[in-house]
Protein backbone atom coordinates (compact mmCIF):
# COMPACT_ATOMS: atom_id res chain seq x y z
CA MET A 1 0.00 0.00 0.00
CA PRO A 2 1.49 3.35 -0.99
CA ALA A 3 2.27 5.74 1.86
CA PRO A 4 1.13 9.38 1.73
CA TYR A 5 3.86 11.95 1.05
CA PRO A 6 3.52 15.74 0.76
CA ILE A 7 3.47 16.56 -2.96
CA ALA A 8 3.07 20.01 -4.57
CA ASP A 9 0.34 20.15 -7.21
CA PRO A 10 0.62 22.35 -10.34
CA SER A 11 -0.86 25.33 -8.47
CA GLY A 12 1.87 25.04 -5.80
CA ALA A 13 -0.41 23.77 -3.03
CA ILE A 14 1.11 20.99 -0.96
CA ARG A 15 -1.09 18.01 -0.17
CA PRO A 16 -0.47 14.44 0.95
CA GLU A 17 -0.67 11.99 -1.92
CA PRO A 18 -0.14 8.21 -1.87
CA CYS A 19 3.22 7.41 -3.49
CA TYR A 20 5.03 4.17 -4.28
CA ASP A 21 8.75 3.91 -3.66
CA VAL A 22 11.09 2.00 -6.00
CA THR A 23 10.68 -1.34 -4.22
CA GLU A 24 6.87 -1.09 -4.10
CA LEU A 25 6.68 -0.15 -7.78
CA ALA A 26 9.07 -2.96 -8.77
CA THR A 27 6.87 -5.45 -6.90
CA LEU A 28 3.72 -4.01 -8.47
CA LEU A 29 5.15 -4.24 -12.01
CA GLY A 30 7.06 -7.51 -11.51
CA VAL A 31 10.45 -6.01 -12.42
CA SER A 32 13.66 -5.40 -10.49
CA ASP A 33 14.54 -2.24 -8.56
CA ARG A 34 17.43 -1.80 -10.98
CA THR A 35 15.06 -1.76 -13.97
CA ILE A 36 13.05 1.02 -12.33
CA ARG A 37 16.17 3.08 -11.58
CA ARG A 38 17.57 2.65 -15.10
CA ARG A 39 14.34 3.75 -16.76
CA VAL A 40 14.09 6.75 -14.45
CA SER A 41 17.73 7.74 -15.11
CA ALA A 42 17.08 7.38 -18.85
CA GLU A 43 14.20 9.86 -18.32
CA LEU A 44 11.66 7.37 -19.67
CA TRP A 45 9.39 7.23 -16.61
CA PRO A 46 7.88 10.06 -14.55
CA TYR A 47 8.73 10.38 -10.85
CA VAL A 48 9.21 12.89 -8.03
CA ARG A 49 12.08 13.11 -5.58
CA GLY A 50 11.32 12.79 -1.89
CA LYS A 51 13.51 13.54 1.09
CA GLY A 52 17.09 12.45 0.63
CA GLY A 53 16.62 12.05 -3.13
CA ARG A 54 14.22 9.12 -2.72
CA LEU A 55 12.38 8.24 -5.94
CA LEU A 56 8.60 8.32 -5.55
CA PHE A 57 5.79 7.50 -7.97
CA THR A 58 2.26 8.89 -7.63
CA ARG A 59 -0.83 7.03 -8.84
CA GLU A 60 -0.78 9.18 -11.99
CA HIS A 61 2.87 8.23 -12.61
CA VAL A 62 1.98 4.54 -12.25
CA ARG A 63 -0.94 4.97 -14.66
CA LEU A 64 1.37 6.55 -17.26
CA ILE A 65 4.05 3.86 -16.74
CA VAL A 66 1.53 1.03 -17.14
CA ARG A 67 0.08 2.70 -20.26
CA ALA A 68 3.63 2.95 -21.67
CA PHE A 69 3.99 -0.84 -21.38
CA ASN A 70 1.49 -1.10 -24.25
CA GLU A 71 3.65 1.05 -26.53
CA THR A 72 6.93 0.20 -28.25
CA HIS A 73 9.95 1.89 -26.66
CA ASP A 74 13.69 1.48 -26.83
CA TYR A 75 13.93 0.75 -23.11
CA PRO A 76 17.11 -0.22 -21.31
CA ALA A 77 17.29 -3.95 -20.58
CA HIS A 78 14.53 -5.48 -18.47
CA GLU A 79 15.32 -7.57 -15.44
CA PRO A 80 12.55 -9.69 -13.94
CA GLY A 81 11.62 -9.15 -10.32
CA ARG A 82 12.85 -11.54 -7.66
CA GLU A 83 10.52 -14.28 -6.56
CA ALA A 84 9.48 -14.10 -2.92
CA PRO A 85 10.96 -16.95 -0.87
C-alpha cells in the first residue's frame, strides 16, 4: 500500500498523496529495482524526488508507466523481479 507523502500540485499547493517507492513499484510491475532506476535515469518514466533524493511515484505516474507498457519503446534492458521466498 502506498504511503502518503507531501506533494506540490501544479498550483503550488502541498497536499499528501499516496506514493510508491522504487521497491513497491518494482513489486507491483514484476520487475527489479534496478530496472526502475535505469528507466528513471534514462528519463523514460515520470517520478518525483522525496527527502534524501528518494524516488517516488504517484498514482498518476503509475498509470502513465503502465500505459507505456502497451507502446513500443527502446527501453534499457529489463530484469525480472525476484521471486518471494
